[in-house]
C-alpha atoms as a PDB file:
ATOM      1  CA  MET A   1      13.219 -31.523 -45.106  1.00  0.00           C
ATOM      2  CA  ALA A   2      11.570 -28.630 -43.224  1.00  0.00           C
ATOM      3  CA  VAL A   3      12.713 -27.191 -39.904  1.00  0.00           C
ATOM      4  CA  ARG A   4      10.734 -28.841 -37.158  1.00  0.00           C
ATOM      5  CA  THR A   5       7.899 -26.946 -35.514  1.00  0.00           C
ATOM      6  CA  HIS A   6       7.353 -29.090 -32.394  1.00  0.00           C
ATOM      7  CA  TRP A   7       9.955 -29.170 -29.627  1.00  0.00           C
ATOM      8  CA  THR A   8       9.862 -31.254 -26.477  1.00  0.00           C
ATOM      9  CA  VAL A   9      11.470 -29.038 -23.858  1.00  0.00           C
ATOM     10  CA  GLU A  10      12.694 -30.071 -20.429  1.00  0.00           C
ATOM     11  CA  HIS A  11      11.971 -26.967 -18.331  1.00  0.00           C
ATOM     12  CA  ALA A  12      13.964 -25.771 -15.313  1.00  0.00           C
ATOM     13  CA  CYS A  13      11.272 -27.347 -13.123  1.00  0.00           C
ATOM     14  CA  SER A  14      12.168 -30.667 -14.862  1.00  0.00           C
ATOM     15  CA  HIS A  15       8.762 -31.061 -16.555  1.00  0.00           C
ATOM     16  CA  LEU A  16       8.752 -32.148 -20.186  1.00  0.00           C
ATOM     17  CA  VAL A  17       6.385 -30.110 -22.346  1.00  0.00           C
ATOM     18  CA  ASP A  18       5.707 -30.316 -26.077  1.00  0.00           C
ATOM     19  CA  HIS A  19       5.737 -26.795 -27.575  1.00  0.00           C
ATOM     20  CA  ASP A  20       4.363 -25.891 -30.987  1.00  0.00           C
ATOM     21  CA  LEU A  21       6.764 -23.220 -32.253  1.00  0.00           C
ATOM     22  CA  SER A  22       5.302 -23.002 -35.768  1.00  0.00           C
ATOM     23  CA  ASN A  23       4.326 -19.378 -35.141  1.00  0.00           C
ATOM     24  CA  ARG A  24       8.026 -18.446 -34.811  1.00  0.00           C
ATOM     25  CA  PRO A  25      10.403 -17.954 -37.746  1.00  0.00           C
ATOM     26  CA  ALA A  26      12.269 -21.158 -38.577  1.00  0.00           C
ATOM     27  CA  ASP A  27      15.643 -19.656 -37.634  1.00  0.00           C
ATOM     28  CA  LYS A  28      14.397 -18.584 -34.180  1.00  0.00           C
ATOM     29  CA  ARG A  29      12.821 -21.849 -32.994  1.00  0.00           C
ATOM     30  CA  ALA A  30      15.915 -23.590 -31.610  1.00  0.00           C
ATOM     31  CA  GLY A  31      17.001 -20.491 -29.681  1.00  0.00           C
ATOM     32  CA  PHE A  32      13.503 -20.044 -28.270  1.00  0.00           C
ATOM     33  CA  ALA A  33      13.375 -23.698 -27.243  1.00  0.00           C
ATOM     34  CA  ARG A  34      16.706 -23.229 -25.376  1.00  0.00           C
ATOM     35  CA  TRP A  35      15.280 -20.143 -23.659  1.00  0.00           C
ATOM     36  CA  LEU A  36      12.123 -22.080 -22.666  1.00  0.00           C
ATOM     37  CA  ALA A  37      14.359 -24.759 -21.118  1.00  0.00           C
ATOM     38  CA  SER A  38      15.764 -22.143 -18.728  1.00  0.00           C
ATOM     39  CA  LYS A  39      12.261 -21.296 -17.436  1.00  0.00           C
ATOM     40  CA  ASP A  40       9.650 -23.172 -15.407  1.00  0.00           C
ATOM     41  CA  CYS A  41       6.790 -24.693 -17.376  1.00  0.00           C
ATOM     42  CA  THR A  42       3.557 -22.694 -17.534  1.00  0.00           C
ATOM     43  CA  ASP A  43       1.859 -24.696 -14.759  1.00  0.00           C
ATOM     44  CA  CYS A  44       4.797 -24.285 -12.362  1.00  0.00           C
ATOM     45  CA  TRP A  45       5.158 -20.604 -13.235  1.00  0.00           C
ATOM     46  CA  LYS A  46       1.444 -19.996 -12.508  1.00  0.00           C
ATOM     47  CA  ALA A  47       1.649 -21.927  -9.224  1.00  0.00           C
ATOM     48  CA  ALA A  48       4.682 -19.881  -8.127  1.00  0.00           C
ATOM     49  CA  ARG A  49       2.956 -16.649  -9.127  1.00  0.00           C
ATOM     50  CA  ASP A  50      -0.191 -17.585  -7.188  1.00  0.00           C
ATOM     51  CA  ALA A  51       1.849 -18.582  -4.128  1.00  0.00           C
ATOM     52  CA  ASP A  52       3.739 -15.302  -4.401  1.00  0.00           C
ATOM     53  CA  SER A  53       0.422 -13.466  -4.535  1.00  0.00           C
ATOM     54  CA  GLU A  54      -0.713 -15.244  -1.364  1.00  0.00           C
ATOM     55  CA  SER A  55       2.527 -14.413   0.428  1.00  0.00           C
ATOM     56  CA  LYS A  56       2.148 -10.762  -0.634  1.00  0.00           C
ATOM     57  CA  GLU A  57      -1.364 -10.742   0.811  1.00  0.00           C
ATOM     58  CA  GLU A  58      -0.065 -12.234   4.076  1.00  0.00           C
ATOM     59  CA  TRP A  59       2.766  -9.693   4.173  1.00  0.00           C
ATOM     60  CA  LEU A  60       0.352  -6.822   3.521  1.00  0.00           C
ATOM     61  CA  ALA A  61      -2.028  -8.017   6.243  1.00  0.00           C
ATOM     62  CA  ALA A  62       0.864  -8.247   8.717  1.00  0.00           C
ATOM     63  CA  LYS A  63       2.104  -4.790   7.716  1.00  0.00           C
ATOM     64  CA  ARG A  64      -1.387  -3.292   8.116  1.00  0.00           C
ATOM     65  CA  ALA A  65      -1.717  -4.909  11.555  1.00  0.00           C
ATOM     66  CA  GLU A  66       1.662  -3.501  12.589  1.00  0.00           C
ATOM     67  CA  GLU A  67       0.735  -0.028  11.291  1.00  0.00           C
ATOM     68  CA  GLN A  68      -2.627  -0.234  13.058  1.00  0.00           C
ATOM     69  CA  GLU A  69      -0.983  -1.168  16.351  1.00  0.00           C
ATOM     70  CA  ALA A  70       1.427   1.779  16.033  1.00  0.00           C
ATOM     71  CA  ALA A  71      -1.407   4.170  15.133  1.00  0.00           C
ATOM     72  CA  VAL A  72      -3.515   3.112  18.122  1.00  0.00           C
ATOM     73  CA  ALA A  73      -0.571   3.418  20.512  1.00  0.00           C
ATOM     74  CA  TRP A  74       0.291   6.834  19.085  1.00  0.00           C
ATOM     75  CA  ALA A  75      -3.315   8.071  19.339  1.00  0.00           C
ATOM     76  CA  LYS A  76      -3.463   6.982  22.970  1.00  0.00           C
ATOM     77  CA  GLN A  77      -0.074   8.520  23.812  1.00  0.00           C
ATOM     78  CA  PHE A  78      -0.977  11.893  22.262  1.00  0.00           C
ATOM     79  CA  ASP A  79      -4.600  11.922  23.434  1.00  0.00           C
ATOM     80  CA  MET A  80      -6.099  11.855  19.955  1.00  0.00           C
ATOM     81  CA  PRO A  81      -9.886  11.385  19.836  1.00  0.00           C
ATOM     82  CA  GLN A  82     -11.638   8.355  18.412  1.00  0.00           C
ATOM     83  CA  LEU A  83     -12.446   8.803  14.752  1.00  0.00           C
ATOM     84  CA  GLU A  84     -15.986   8.645  13.440  1.00  0.00           C
ATOM     85  CA  GLY A  85     -17.325   7.075  10.287  1.00  0.00           C
ATOM     86  CA  PRO A  86     -18.175   3.703   8.788  1.00  0.00           C
ATOM     87  CA  ARG A  87     -16.593   0.781  10.670  1.00  0.00           C
ATOM     88  CA  LYS A  88     -14.480  -0.242   7.673  1.00  0.00           C
ATOM     89  CA  ALA A  89     -12.991   3.286   7.424  1.00  0.00           C
ATOM     90  CA  LEU A  90     -11.976   3.689  11.074  1.00  0.00           C
ATOM     91  CA  ASP A  91      -8.753   1.636  11.055  1.00  0.00           C
ATOM     92  CA  TRP A  92      -7.690   3.104   7.723  1.00  0.00           C
ATOM     93  CA  GLY A  93      -8.440   6.598   9.028  1.00  0.00           C
ATOM     94  CA  GLU A  94      -6.353   5.979  12.155  1.00  0.00           C
ATOM     95  CA  ARG A  95      -3.398   4.746  10.095  1.00  0.00           C
ATOM     96  CA  SER A  96      -3.725   7.684   7.693  1.00  0.00           C
ATOM     97  CA  ARG A  97      -3.878  10.195  10.555  1.00  0.00           C
ATOM     98  CA  HIS A  98      -0.836   8.671  12.251  1.00  0.00           C
ATOM     99  CA  GLN A  99       1.201   8.611   9.032  1.00  0.00           C
ATOM    100  CA  LEU A 100       0.311  12.202   8.092  1.00  0.00           C
ATOM    101  CA  MET A 101       0.939  13.539  11.602  1.00  0.00           C
ATOM    102  CA  THR A 102       4.303  11.740  11.713  1.00  0.00           C
ATOM    103  CA  ALA A 103       5.255  13.137   8.290  1.00  0.00           C
ATOM    104  CA  ALA A 104       4.183  16.624   9.412  1.00  0.00           C
ATOM    105  CA  HIS A 105       6.241  16.420  12.607  1.00  0.00           C
ATOM    106  CA  ILE A 106       9.325  15.413  10.624  1.00  0.00           C
ATOM    107  CA  ALA A 107       8.808  18.135   7.993  1.00  0.00           C
ATOM    108  CA  LEU A 108       7.853  20.969  10.332  1.00  0.00           C
ATOM    109  CA  VAL A 109       9.697  20.277  13.593  1.00  0.00           C
ATOM    110  CA  VAL A 110      12.572  17.856  12.986  1.00  0.00           C
ATOM    111  CA  GLU A 111      13.638  19.220   9.583  1.00  0.00           C
ATOM    112  CA  GLY A 112      11.812  22.560   9.759  1.00  0.00           C
ATOM    113  CA  SER A 113      11.864  25.574  12.041  1.00  0.00           C
ATOM    114  CA  TRP A 114       8.809  24.897  14.218  1.00  0.00           C
ATOM    115  CA  ASP A 115       9.154  24.711  17.979  1.00  0.00           C
ATOM    116  CA  GLU A 116       7.076  22.602  20.357  1.00  0.00           C
ATOM    117  CA  ALA A 117       4.559  25.442  20.906  1.00  0.00           C
ATOM    118  CA  ASP A 118       3.855  25.624  17.154  1.00  0.00           C
ATOM    119  CA  TRP A 119       3.494  21.854  17.053  1.00  0.00           C
ATOM    120  CA  ALA A 120       1.143  21.808  20.068  1.00  0.00           C
ATOM    121  CA  GLU A 121      -1.130  24.265  18.245  1.00  0.00           C
ATOM    122  CA  LEU A 122      -1.212  22.024  15.157  1.00  0.00           C
ATOM    123  CA  GLU A 123      -1.931  18.975  17.323  1.00  0.00           C
ATOM    124  CA  GLU A 124      -4.928  20.773  18.839  1.00  0.00           C
ATOM    125  CA  LYS A 125      -6.290  21.491  15.360  1.00  0.00           C
ATOM    126  CA  ALA A 126      -5.708  17.871  14.373  1.00  0.00           C
ATOM    127  CA  ARG A 127      -7.678  16.693  17.413  1.00  0.00           C
ATOM    128  CA  SER A 128     -10.692  18.596  16.126  1.00  0.00           C
ATOM    129  CA  ILE A 129     -10.830  16.511  12.925  1.00  0.00           C
ATOM    130  CA  THR A 130     -12.613  13.308  13.849  1.00  0.00           C
ATOM    131  CA  ARG A 131     -14.054  12.169  10.521  1.00  0.00           C
ATOM    132  CA  ALA A 132     -12.033   9.146   9.414  1.00  0.00           C
ATOM    133  CA  GLY A 133     -12.774   9.899   5.769  1.00  0.00           C
ATOM    134  CA  TRP A 134     -11.042  13.284   6.023  1.00  0.00           C
ATOM    135  CA  TRP A 135      -7.799  11.648   7.145  1.00  0.00           C
ATOM    136  CA  ILE A 136      -8.112   8.990   4.438  1.00  0.00           C
ATOM    137  CA  ASP A 137      -8.626  11.706   1.811  1.00  0.00           C
ATOM    138  CA  GLN A 138      -5.395  13.405   2.952  1.00  0.00           C
ATOM    139  CA  ARG A 139      -3.307  10.198   2.957  1.00  0.00           C
ATOM    140  CA  ASP A 140      -1.151  11.279   0.007  1.00  0.00           C
ATOM    141  CA  ALA A 141      -0.602  14.838   1.254  1.00  0.00           C
ATOM    142  CA  GLU A 142       2.804  16.218   2.152  1.00  0.00           C
ATOM    143  CA  GLY A 143       3.417  16.575   5.874  1.00  0.00           C
ATOM    144  CA  ALA A 144       4.395  20.221   5.430  1.00  0.00           C
ATOM    145  CA  ASP A 145       0.889  20.929   4.071  1.00  0.00           C
ATOM    146  CA  LEU A 146      -0.987  19.647   7.115  1.00  0.00           C
ATOM    147  CA  LEU A 147      -1.641  23.032   8.754  1.00  0.00           C
ATOM    148  CA  GLU A 148      -3.233  24.401   5.580  1.00  0.00           C
ATOM    149  CA  LEU A 149      -5.285  21.215   5.183  1.00  0.00           C
ATOM    150  CA  LEU A 150      -6.505  21.392   8.784  1.00  0.00           C
ATOM    151  CA  ASP A 151      -7.524  25.023   8.298  1.00  0.00           C
ATOM    152  CA  ALA A 152      -9.447  24.055   5.150  1.00  0.00           C
ATOM    153  CA  ALA A 153     -11.422  21.264   6.849  1.00  0.00           C
ATOM    154  CA  SER A 154     -15.155  21.820   7.015  1.00  0.00           C
ATOM    155  CA  GLU A 155     -17.388  21.695  10.077  1.00  0.00           C
ATOM    156  CA  ALA A 156     -18.590  18.276   8.886  1.00  0.00           C
ATOM    157  CA  ASP A 157     -15.016  17.003   9.363  1.00  0.00           C
ATOM    158  CA  ARG A 158     -14.748  18.386  12.894  1.00  0.00           C
ATOM    159  CA  GLY A 159     -15.914  16.730  16.076  1.00  0.00           C
ATOM    160  CA  THR A 160     -18.839  19.061  16.547  1.00  0.00           C
ATOM    161  CA  GLU A 161     -22.002  17.694  18.053  1.00  0.00           C
ATOM    162  CA  ASN A 162     -24.168  16.912  15.066  1.00  0.00           C
ATOM    163  CA  PRO A 163     -27.109  14.555  15.662  1.00  0.00           C
ATOM    164  CA  TYR A 164     -27.366  13.844  11.918  1.00  0.00           C
ATOM    165  CA  ARG A 165     -23.899  12.290  11.541  1.00  0.00           C
END
């Protein structure tokens, strides 16, 4: 008599599923069937994964809204200009600017040796950069590098009057 190849497994979700284990070595089938019994069936696993994906999307949307609210409040408090660019880039640019400016303040003032006069000078330079795309491009930069990045920005990134923008 040969070792069976088909196992009816009651999964952790309590669904009964017939599994063809013929592709496994004969001496591994029973152990694999026990392992399968400790897991949800494929349909339940996929449903849980999809629900988890939806909850991640909801969480991310809520987090983005919270970050956006903080960025707008910060921009208003510190008299930062409106950013320019495509509509879909504006919110992202505002969040990126807020996050980079916050990281820079921590690195240069809180943990560094800058005083408020040094910081005020950097803030003025930051106000001159109004292209949302510039801030998005710098989103992964270190806060301590912000002054050098601001100095490297081109005229196209600055809030100069340009009728062709």
